[in-house]
Amino acid sequence: MKTIRALRQERGWTQFELALAVGVQPQTIYLWESGRRLPQVLQMRKLGEVFGLCSDEIDLGLPADLSRTAPPRGRTHRRRDELIPGQDRRRATRGTEETPAKHDSR
């Protein structure tokens, strides 16, 4: 099994050329090759077609033991008026105050 980068380099293609062939942005190829993102199923199928392989034959470079990797740090969902520990109340409510209605001065 070979990685996307190895398969691309064997053919002498740039990331831009592979991106055109697969139908994604060049930045996406970089993210796949650097291991920061994984291709979606349809993109894997297209990669398989482009390289003349079954998509299962493409090594995504995943670590053997995924349990050792830290879970992704996602955003915590808080209400707009909910305080974060140690946060000043004035800062938490900034931008949520009601603005007085403007009156027409006719």
Protein backbone atom coordinates (compact mmCIF):
# COMPACT_ATOMS: atom_id res chain seq x y z
CA MET A 1 0.00 0.00 0.00
CA LYS A 2 1.21 3.47 -0.88
CA THR A 3 0.23 6.88 0.40
CA ILE A 4 -1.45 9.56 -1.68
CA ARG A 5 1.83 11.49 -1.77
CA ALA A 6 3.82 8.46 -2.98
CA LEU A 7 1.27 7.64 -5.66
CA ARG A 8 1.20 11.27 -6.83
CA GLN A 9 4.99 11.57 -6.91
CA GLU A 10 5.36 8.26 -8.82
CA ARG A 11 3.34 9.82 -11.61
CA GLY A 12 5.26 13.11 -11.45
CA TRP A 13 2.13 15.11 -10.63
CA THR A 14 1.94 18.26 -8.58
CA GLN A 15 -0.64 18.66 -5.84
CA PHE A 16 -2.42 21.07 -8.18
CA GLU A 17 -2.61 18.48 -10.98
CA LEU A 18 -3.97 15.82 -8.63
CA ALA A 19 -6.50 18.31 -7.25
CA LEU A 20 -7.78 18.97 -10.78
CA ALA A 21 -8.07 15.24 -11.49
CA VAL A 22 -9.97 14.54 -8.26
CA GLY A 23 -12.08 17.71 -8.31
CA VAL A 24 -10.89 19.29 -5.07
CA GLN A 25 -8.87 22.36 -4.11
CA PRO A 26 -5.05 22.03 -4.06
CA GLN A 27 -5.13 22.89 -0.34
CA THR A 28 -7.19 19.74 0.20
CA ILE A 29 -4.45 17.56 -1.32
CA TYR A 30 -1.93 19.18 1.04
CA LEU A 31 -4.19 18.48 4.03
CA TRP A 32 -4.59 14.83 3.02
CA GLU A 33 -0.89 14.33 2.46
CA SER A 34 0.04 15.99 5.75
CA GLY A 35 -2.48 13.85 7.67
CA ARG A 36 -4.49 16.83 8.86
CA ARG A 37 -7.64 15.72 7.05
CA LEU A 38 -8.96 12.51 5.52
CA PRO A 39 -10.66 12.20 2.16
CA GLN A 40 -14.39 11.54 2.18
CA VAL A 41 -15.70 8.29 0.72
CA LEU A 42 -16.52 9.75 -2.70
CA GLN A 43 -13.11 11.44 -2.82
CA MET A 44 -11.43 8.13 -1.98
CA ARG A 45 -13.30 6.48 -4.83
CA LYS A 46 -12.15 9.22 -7.19
CA LEU A 47 -8.55 8.83 -5.98
CA GLY A 48 -8.82 5.12 -6.70
CA GLU A 49 -10.04 5.83 -10.22
CA VAL A 50 -7.32 8.41 -10.86
CA PHE A 51 -4.56 6.09 -9.64
CA GLY A 52 -6.07 2.94 -11.18
CA LEU A 53 -6.41 1.23 -7.80
CA CYS A 54 -9.09 0.08 -5.46
CA SER A 55 -9.56 2.86 -2.91
CA ASP A 56 -8.79 0.30 -0.17
CA GLU A 57 -5.25 0.04 -1.54
CA ILE A 58 -4.43 3.67 -0.72
CA ASP A 59 -2.66 4.12 2.62
CA LEU A 60 -3.99 7.16 4.46
CA GLY A 61 -1.12 7.06 6.92
CA LEU A 62 -3.33 6.53 9.95
CA PRO A 63 -1.58 5.51 13.15
CA ALA A 64 -1.90 1.81 13.99
CA ASP A 65 -3.40 2.55 17.41
CA LEU A 66 -5.94 5.35 17.18
CA SER A 67 -6.71 5.10 20.90
CA ARG A 68 -3.42 6.83 21.73
CA THR A 69 -4.34 9.99 19.88
CA ALA A 70 -5.96 12.78 21.82
CA PRO A 71 -9.62 13.43 21.06
CA PRO A 72 -10.24 16.44 18.83
CA ARG A 73 -10.69 19.68 20.69
CA GLY A 74 -14.06 20.95 19.61
CA ARG A 75 -15.87 24.07 20.63
CA THR A 76 -17.83 23.86 23.82
CA HIS A 77 -21.41 24.91 23.42
CA ARG A 78 -22.45 27.57 25.90
CA ARG A 79 -25.33 29.95 25.95
CA ARG A 80 -24.33 33.48 25.12
CA ASP A 81 -25.10 34.68 28.66
CA GLU A 82 -23.36 31.74 30.40
CA LEU A 83 -20.12 32.62 32.18
CA ILE A 84 -16.90 30.80 31.53
CA PRO A 85 -15.08 30.05 34.81
CA GLY A 86 -13.04 33.11 35.77
CA GLN A 87 -14.77 35.37 33.24
CA ASP A 88 -16.00 38.82 34.24
CA ARG A 89 -19.77 39.27 33.95
CA ARG A 90 -19.38 42.56 32.01
CA ARG A 91 -17.35 40.79 29.34
CA ALA A 92 -19.80 37.89 29.11
CA THR A 93 -22.75 40.17 28.39
CA ARG A 94 -20.99 42.56 26.04
CA GLY A 95 -22.89 42.89 22.81
CA THR A 96 -26.04 41.33 24.20
CA GLU A 97 -27.54 44.48 25.71
CA GLU A 98 -30.65 45.75 24.07
CA THR A 99 -30.18 48.97 22.18
CA PRO A 100 -32.79 51.62 22.76
CA ALA A 101 -35.17 52.11 19.87
CA LYS A 102 -34.55 55.21 17.81
CA HIS A 103 -37.41 57.67 17.76
CA ASP A 104 -38.41 59.55 14.68
CA SER A 105 -38.03 63.28 15.39
CA ARG A 106 -40.70 64.62 13.08
